[in-house]
Amino acid sequence: IAVAQSLVRNVVRGYAGPLTETQKDLF
């Protein structure tokens, strides 16, 4: 759970590239 949460937060912070508003809401 901790690993998954860390990955999701990195995606939300844009470390994996920009997100659309829909993707931000989903994450």
PDB file of all heavy atoms in Angstrom:
ATOM      1  N   ILE A   1       0.847  -1.204   0.000  1.00  0.00           N
ATOM      2  CA  ILE A   1       0.000   0.000   0.000  1.00  0.00           C
ATOM      3  C   ILE A   1       0.878   1.248   0.000  1.00  0.00           C
ATOM      4  O   ILE A   1       0.626   2.215  -0.734  1.00  0.00           O
ATOM      5  CB  ILE A   1      -0.954  -0.003   1.210  1.00  0.00           C
ATOM      6  CG1 ILE A   1      -2.031  -1.070   1.035  1.00  0.00           C
ATOM      7  CG2 ILE A   1      -1.602   1.378   1.384  1.00  0.00           C
ATOM      8  CD1 ILE A   1      -2.922  -1.253   2.256  1.00  0.00           C
ATOM      9  N   ALA A   2       1.929   1.224   0.837  1.00  0.00           N
ATOM     10  CA  ALA A   2       2.829   2.383   0.900  1.00  0.00           C
ATOM     11  C   ALA A   2       3.538   2.608  -0.435  1.00  0.00           C
ATOM     12  O   ALA A   2       3.693   3.758  -0.881  1.00  0.00           O
ATOM     13  CB  ALA A   2       3.849   2.169   2.020  1.00  0.00           C
ATOM     14  N   VAL A   3       3.955   1.534  -1.077  1.00  0.00           N
ATOM     15  CA  VAL A   3       4.620   1.652  -2.384  1.00  0.00           C
ATOM     16  C   VAL A   3       3.659   2.227  -3.421  1.00  0.00           C
ATOM     17  O   VAL A   3       4.016   3.139  -4.196  1.00  0.00           O
ATOM     18  CB  VAL A   3       5.155   0.280  -2.844  1.00  0.00           C
ATOM     19  CG1 VAL A   3       5.623   0.347  -4.295  1.00  0.00           C
ATOM     20  CG2 VAL A   3       6.298  -0.177  -1.943  1.00  0.00           C
ATOM     21  N   ALA A   4       2.421   1.698  -3.448  1.00  0.00           N
ATOM     22  CA  ALA A   4       1.431   2.181  -4.405  1.00  0.00           C
ATOM     23  C   ALA A   4       1.121   3.654  -4.170  1.00  0.00           C
ATOM     24  O   ALA A   4       1.010   4.446  -5.123  1.00  0.00           O
ATOM     25  CB  ALA A   4       0.155   1.345  -4.298  1.00  0.00           C
ATOM     26  N   GLN A   5       0.998   4.035  -2.903  1.00  0.00           N
ATOM     27  CA  GLN A   5       0.706   5.436  -2.582  1.00  0.00           C
ATOM     28  C   GLN A   5       1.843   6.342  -3.038  1.00  0.00           C
ATOM     29  O   GLN A   5       1.611   7.437  -3.583  1.00  0.00           O
ATOM     30  CB  GLN A   5       0.479   5.586  -1.080  1.00  0.00           C
ATOM     31  CG  GLN A   5       0.113   6.977  -0.628  1.00  0.00           C
ATOM     32  CD  GLN A   5      -1.236   7.418  -1.133  1.00  0.00           C
ATOM     33  OE1 GLN A   5      -1.370   7.759  -2.323  1.00  0.00           O
ATOM     34  NE2 GLN A   5      -2.230   7.403  -0.260  1.00  0.00           N
ATOM     35  N   SER A   6       3.085   5.889  -2.847  1.00  0.00           N
ATOM     36  CA  SER A   6       4.238   6.691  -3.268  1.00  0.00           C
ATOM     37  C   SER A   6       4.249   6.881  -4.783  1.00  0.00           C
ATOM     38  O   SER A   6       4.492   7.998  -5.290  1.00  0.00           O
ATOM     39  CB  SER A   6       5.527   6.004  -2.811  1.00  0.00           C
ATOM     40  OG  SER A   6       6.653   6.706  -3.270  1.00  0.00           O
ATOM     41  N   LEU A   7       3.943   5.824  -5.523  1.00  0.00           N
ATOM     42  CA  LEU A   7       3.923   5.912  -6.981  1.00  0.00           C
ATOM     43  C   LEU A   7       2.829   6.864  -7.455  1.00  0.00           C
ATOM     44  O   LEU A   7       3.030   7.685  -8.360  1.00  0.00           O
ATOM     45  CB  LEU A   7       3.716   4.523  -7.589  1.00  0.00           C
ATOM     46  CG  LEU A   7       4.885   3.541  -7.437  1.00  0.00           C
ATOM     47  CD1 LEU A   7       4.468   2.156  -7.915  1.00  0.00           C
ATOM     48  CD2 LEU A   7       6.097   4.039  -8.226  1.00  0.00           C
ATOM     49  N   VAL A   8       1.643   6.747  -6.859  1.00  0.00           N
ATOM     50  CA  VAL A   8       0.527   7.607  -7.260  1.00  0.00           C
ATOM     51  C   VAL A   8       0.856   9.072  -6.997  1.00  0.00           C
ATOM     52  O   VAL A   8       0.591   9.956  -7.820  1.00  0.00           O
ATOM     53  CB  VAL A   8      -0.761   7.186  -6.518  1.00  0.00           C
ATOM     54  CG1 VAL A   8      -1.863   8.248  -6.688  1.00  0.00           C
ATOM     55  CG2 VAL A   8      -1.254   5.841  -7.030  1.00  0.00           C
ATOM     56  N   ARG A   9       1.456   9.353  -5.838  1.00  0.00           N
ATOM     57  CA  ARG A   9       1.796  10.731  -5.507  1.00  0.00           C
ATOM     58  C   ARG A   9       2.842  11.295  -6.475  1.00  0.00           C
ATOM     59  O   ARG A   9       2.793  12.482  -6.833  1.00  0.00           O
ATOM     60  CB  ARG A   9       2.296  10.806  -4.064  1.00  0.00           C
ATOM     61  CG  ARG A   9       1.164  10.678  -3.042  1.00  0.00           C
ATOM     62  CD  ARG A   9       1.673  10.550  -1.624  1.00  0.00           C
ATOM     63  NE  ARG A   9       0.566  10.440  -0.682  1.00  0.00           N
ATOM     64  CZ  ARG A   9       0.703  10.053   0.574  1.00  0.00           C
ATOM     65  NH1 ARG A   9       1.912   9.731   1.054  1.00  0.00           N
ATOM     66  NH2 ARG A   9      -0.350   9.982   1.370  1.00  0.00           N
ATOM     67  N   ASN A  10       3.772  10.462  -6.884  1.00  0.00           N
ATOM     68  CA  ASN A  10       4.772  10.918  -7.855  1.00  0.00           C
ATOM     69  C   ASN A  10       4.122  11.254  -9.197  1.00  0.00           C
ATOM     70  O   ASN A  10       4.504  12.239  -9.857  1.00  0.00           O
ATOM     71  CB  ASN A  10       5.846   9.844  -8.055  1.00  0.00           C
ATOM     72  CG  ASN A  10       6.800   9.759  -6.890  1.00  0.00           C
ATOM     73  OD1 ASN A  10       6.959  10.717  -6.141  1.00  0.00           O
ATOM     74  ND2 ASN A  10       7.441   8.608  -6.726  1.00  0.00           N
ATOM     75  N   VAL A  11       3.132  10.441  -9.586  1.00  0.00           N
ATOM     76  CA  VAL A  11       2.419  10.721 -10.837  1.00  0.00           C
ATOM     77  C   VAL A  11       1.646  12.019 -10.712  1.00  0.00           C
ATOM     78  O   VAL A  11       1.665  12.874 -11.627  1.00  0.00           O
ATOM     79  CB  VAL A  11       1.486   9.552 -11.204  1.00  0.00           C
ATOM     80  CG1 VAL A  11       0.574   9.938 -12.375  1.00  0.00           C
ATOM     81  CG2 VAL A  11       2.283   8.300 -11.537  1.00  0.00           C
ATOM     82  N   VAL A  12       0.941  12.207  -9.572  1.00  0.00           N
ATOM     83  CA  VAL A  12       0.146  13.424  -9.361  1.00  0.00           C
ATOM     84  C   VAL A  12       1.048  14.660  -9.374  1.00  0.00           C
ATOM     85  O   VAL A  12       0.654  15.719  -9.869  1.00  0.00           O
ATOM     86  CB  VAL A  12      -0.632  13.312  -8.028  1.00  0.00           C
ATOM     87  CG1 VAL A  12      -1.278  14.657  -7.665  1.00  0.00           C
ATOM     88  CG2 VAL A  12      -1.690  12.218  -8.128  1.00  0.00           C
ATOM     89  N   ARG A  13       2.265  14.547  -8.861  1.00  0.00           N
ATOM     90  CA  ARG A  13       3.190  15.674  -8.827  1.00  0.00           C
ATOM     91  C   ARG A  13       3.822  15.959 -10.183  1.00  0.00           C
ATOM     92  O   ARG A  13       4.584  16.917 -10.340  1.00  0.00           O
ATOM     93  CB  ARG A  13       4.284  15.415  -7.794  1.00  0.00           C
ATOM     94  CG  ARG A  13       3.777  15.475  -6.356  1.00  0.00           C
ATOM     95  CD  ARG A  13       4.812  14.935  -5.387  1.00  0.00           C
ATOM     96  NE  ARG A  13       4.301  14.917  -4.026  1.00  0.00           N
ATOM     97  CZ  ARG A  13       4.782  14.144  -3.046  1.00  0.00           C
ATOM     98  NH1 ARG A  13       5.812  13.341  -3.315  1.00  0.00           N
ATOM     99  NH2 ARG A  13       4.267  14.199  -1.845  1.00  0.00           N
ATOM    100  N   GLY A  14       3.507  15.119 -11.157  1.00  0.00           N
ATOM    101  CA  GLY A  14       3.984  15.385 -12.510  1.00  0.00           C
ATOM    102  C   GLY A  14       5.318  14.768 -12.849  1.00  0.00           C
ATOM    103  O   GLY A  14       5.889  15.059 -13.911  1.00  0.00           O
ATOM    104  N   TYR A  15       5.852  13.909 -11.983  1.00  0.00           N
ATOM    105  CA  TYR A  15       7.157  13.314 -12.247  1.00  0.00           C
ATOM    106  C   TYR A  15       7.114  12.361 -13.444  1.00  0.00           C
ATOM    107  O   TYR A  15       8.167  12.077 -14.058  1.00  0.00           O
ATOM    108  CB  TYR A  15       7.668  12.550 -11.024  1.00  0.00           C
ATOM    109  CG  TYR A  15       7.945  13.434  -9.830  1.00  0.00           C
ATOM    110  CD1 TYR A  15       7.777  12.963  -8.540  1.00  0.00           C
ATOM    111  CD2 TYR A  15       8.385  14.745  -9.993  1.00  0.00           C
ATOM    112  CE1 TYR A  15       8.028  13.756  -7.440  1.00  0.00           C
ATOM    113  CE2 TYR A  15       8.643  15.555  -8.908  1.00  0.00           C
ATOM    114  CZ  TYR A  15       8.466  15.067  -7.627  1.00  0.00           C
ATOM    115  OH  TYR A  15       8.716  15.858  -6.542  1.00  0.00           O
ATOM    116  N   ALA A  16       5.934  11.903 -13.803  1.00  0.00           N
ATOM    117  CA  ALA A  16       5.805  10.990 -14.957  1.00  0.00           C
ATOM    118  C   ALA A  16       5.288  11.732 -16.192  1.00  0.00           C
ATOM    119  O   ALA A  16       4.969  11.104 -17.196  1.00  0.00           O
ATOM    120  CB  ALA A  16       4.866   9.829 -14.609  1.00  0.00           C
ATOM    121  N   GLY A  17       5.216  13.041 -16.108  1.00  0.00           N
ATOM    122  CA  GLY A  17       4.713  13.826 -17.222  1.00  0.00           C
ATOM    123  C   GLY A  17       3.422  14.533 -16.858  1.00  0.00           C
ATOM    124  O   GLY A  17       2.807  14.259 -15.828  1.00  0.00           O
ATOM    125  N   PRO A  18       2.993  15.487 -17.696  1.00  0.00           N
ATOM    126  CA  PRO A  18       1.779  16.253 -17.394  1.00  0.00           C
ATOM    127  C   PRO A  18       0.527  15.367 -17.460  1.00  0.00           C
ATOM    128  O   PRO A  18       0.470  14.380 -18.190  1.00  0.00           O
ATOM    129  CB  PRO A  18       1.764  17.327 -18.496  1.00  0.00           C
ATOM    130  CG  PRO A  18       2.585  16.744 -19.595  1.00  0.00           C
ATOM    131  CD  PRO A  18       3.626  15.899 -18.955  1.00  0.00           C
ATOM    132  N   LEU A  19      -0.490  15.744 -16.631  1.00  0.00           N
ATOM    133  CA  LEU A  19      -1.749  15.009 -16.585  1.00  0.00           C
ATOM    134  C   LEU A  19      -2.885  15.916 -17.021  1.00  0.00           C
ATOM    135  O   LEU A  19      -2.862  17.134 -16.805  1.00  0.00           O
ATOM    136  CB  LEU A  19      -2.031  14.513 -15.154  1.00  0.00           C
ATOM    137  CG  LEU A  19      -1.035  13.533 -14.532  1.00  0.00           C
ATOM    138  CD1 LEU A  19      -1.415  13.271 -13.083  1.00  0.00           C
ATOM    139  CD2 LEU A  19      -0.997  12.225 -15.310  1.00  0.00           C
ATOM    140  N   THR A  20      -3.878  15.321 -17.602  1.00  0.00           N
ATOM    141  CA  THR A  20      -5.102  16.068 -17.908  1.00  0.00           C
ATOM    142  C   THR A  20      -5.895  16.210 -16.618  1.00  0.00           C
ATOM    143  O   THR A  20      -5.624  15.544 -15.606  1.00  0.00           O
ATOM    144  CB  THR A  20      -5.950  15.313 -18.950  1.00  0.00           C
ATOM    145  OG1 THR A  20      -6.401  14.077 -18.367  1.00  0.00           O
ATOM    146  CG2 THR A  20      -5.149  15.021 -20.205  1.00  0.00           C
ATOM    147  N   GLU A  21      -6.900  17.084 -16.632  1.00  0.00           N
ATOM    148  CA  GLU A  21      -7.731  17.277 -15.445  1.00  0.00           C
ATOM    149  C   GLU A  21      -8.440  15.975 -15.057  1.00  0.00           C
ATOM    150  O   GLU A  21      -8.598  15.665 -13.884  1.00  0.00           O
ATOM    151  CB  GLU A  21      -8.743  18.395 -15.704  1.00  0.00           C
ATOM    152  CG  GLU A  21      -8.126  19.786 -15.783  1.00  0.00           C
ATOM    153  CD  GLU A  21      -7.350  20.129 -14.530  1.00  0.00           C
ATOM    154  OE1 GLU A  21      -7.847  19.849 -13.406  1.00  0.00           O
ATOM    155  OE2 GLU A  21      -6.244  20.663 -14.655  1.00  0.00           O
ATOM    156  N   THR A  22      -8.873  15.237 -16.093  1.00  0.00           N
ATOM    157  CA  THR A  22      -9.551  13.954 -15.814  1.00  0.00           C
ATOM    158  C   THR A  22      -8.593  12.978 -15.143  1.00  0.00           C
ATOM    159  O   THR A  22      -8.960  12.285 -14.181  1.00  0.00           O
ATOM    160  CB  THR A  22     -10.083  13.336 -17.115  1.00  0.00           C
ATOM    161  OG1 THR A  22     -11.003  14.252 -17.720  1.00  0.00           O
ATOM    162  CG2 THR A  22     -10.776  12.020 -16.843  1.00  0.00           C
ATOM    163  N   GLN A  23      -7.351  12.931 -15.631  1.00  0.00           N
ATOM    164  CA  GLN A  23      -6.364  12.034 -15.033  1.00  0.00           C
ATOM    165  C   GLN A  23      -6.023  12.464 -13.605  1.00  0.00           C
ATOM    166  O   GLN A  23      -5.867  11.617 -12.711  1.00  0.00           O
ATOM    167  CB  GLN A  23      -5.100  12.021 -15.899  1.00  0.00           C
ATOM    168  CG  GLN A  23      -5.277  11.307 -17.221  1.00  0.00           C
ATOM    169  CD  GLN A  23      -4.072  11.475 -18.140  1.00  0.00           C
ATOM    170  OE1 GLN A  23      -3.380  12.509 -18.085  1.00  0.00           O
ATOM    171  NE2 GLN A  23      -3.842  10.480 -18.986  1.00  0.00           N
ATOM    172  N   LYS A  24      -5.909  13.776 -13.389  1.00  0.00           N
ATOM    173  CA  LYS A  24      -5.629  14.262 -12.037  1.00  0.00           C
ATOM    174  C   LYS A  24      -6.730  13.850 -11.069  1.00  0.00           C
ATOM    175  O   LYS A  24      -6.468  13.428  -9.937  1.00  0.00           O
ATOM    176  CB  LYS A  24      -5.473  15.779 -12.038  1.00  0.00           C
ATOM    177  CG  LYS A  24      -4.194  16.280 -12.682  1.00  0.00           C
ATOM    178  CD  LYS A  24      -4.133  17.802 -12.630  1.00  0.00           C
ATOM    179  CE  LYS A  24      -2.861  18.324 -13.295  1.00  0.00           C
ATOM    180  NZ  LYS A  24      -2.809  19.795 -13.282  1.00  0.00           N
ATOM    181  N   ASP A  25      -7.979  13.979 -11.516  1.00  0.00           N
ATOM    182  CA  ASP A  25      -9.110  13.598 -10.676  1.00  0.00           C
ATOM    183  C   ASP A  25      -9.085  12.098 -10.368  1.00  0.00           C
ATOM    184  O   ASP A  25      -9.319  11.675  -9.232  1.00  0.00           O
ATOM    185  CB  ASP A  25     -10.422  13.978 -11.374  1.00  0.00           C
ATOM    186  CG  ASP A  25     -11.636  13.612 -10.532  1.00  0.00           C
ATOM    187  OD1 ASP A  25     -11.785  14.175  -9.433  1.00  0.00           O
ATOM    188  OD2 ASP A  25     -12.423  12.736 -10.966  1.00  0.00           O
ATOM    189  N   LEU A  26      -8.770  11.295 -11.386  1.00  0.00           N
ATOM    190  CA  LEU A  26      -8.725   9.841 -11.207  1.00  0.00           C
ATOM    191  C   LEU A  26      -7.641   9.449 -10.208  1.00  0.00           C
ATOM    192  O   LEU A  26      -7.883   8.653  -9.289  1.00  0.00           O
ATOM    193  CB  LEU A  26      -8.464   9.173 -12.561  1.00  0.00           C
ATOM    194  CG  LEU A  26      -8.313   7.640 -12.534  1.00  0.00           C
ATOM    195  CD1 LEU A  26      -9.576   6.977 -12.011  1.00  0.00           C
ATOM    196  CD2 LEU A  26      -7.968   7.124 -13.935  1.00  0.00           C
ATOM    197  N   PHE A  27      -6.435  10.029 -10.366  1.00  0.00           N
ATOM    198  CA  PHE A  27      -5.349   9.690  -9.445  1.00  0.00           C
ATOM    199  C   PHE A  27      -5.602  10.223  -8.037  1.00  0.00           C
ATOM    200  O   PHE A  27      -5.166   9.624  -7.049  1.00  0.00           O
ATOM    201  CB  PHE A  27      -4.019  10.216  -9.996  1.00  0.00           C
ATOM    202  CG  PHE A  27      -3.394   9.295 -11.004  1.00  0.00           C
ATOM    203  CD1 PHE A  27      -3.469   9.553 -12.369  1.00  0.00           C
ATOM    204  CD2 PHE A  27      -2.724   8.149 -10.591  1.00  0.00           C
ATOM    205  CE1 PHE A  27      -2.896   8.694 -13.292  1.00  0.00           C
ATOM    206  CE2 PHE A  27      -2.140   7.299 -11.519  1.00  0.00           C
ATOM    207  CZ  PHE A  27      -2.233   7.563 -12.877  1.00  0.00           C
TER     208      PHE A  27
END
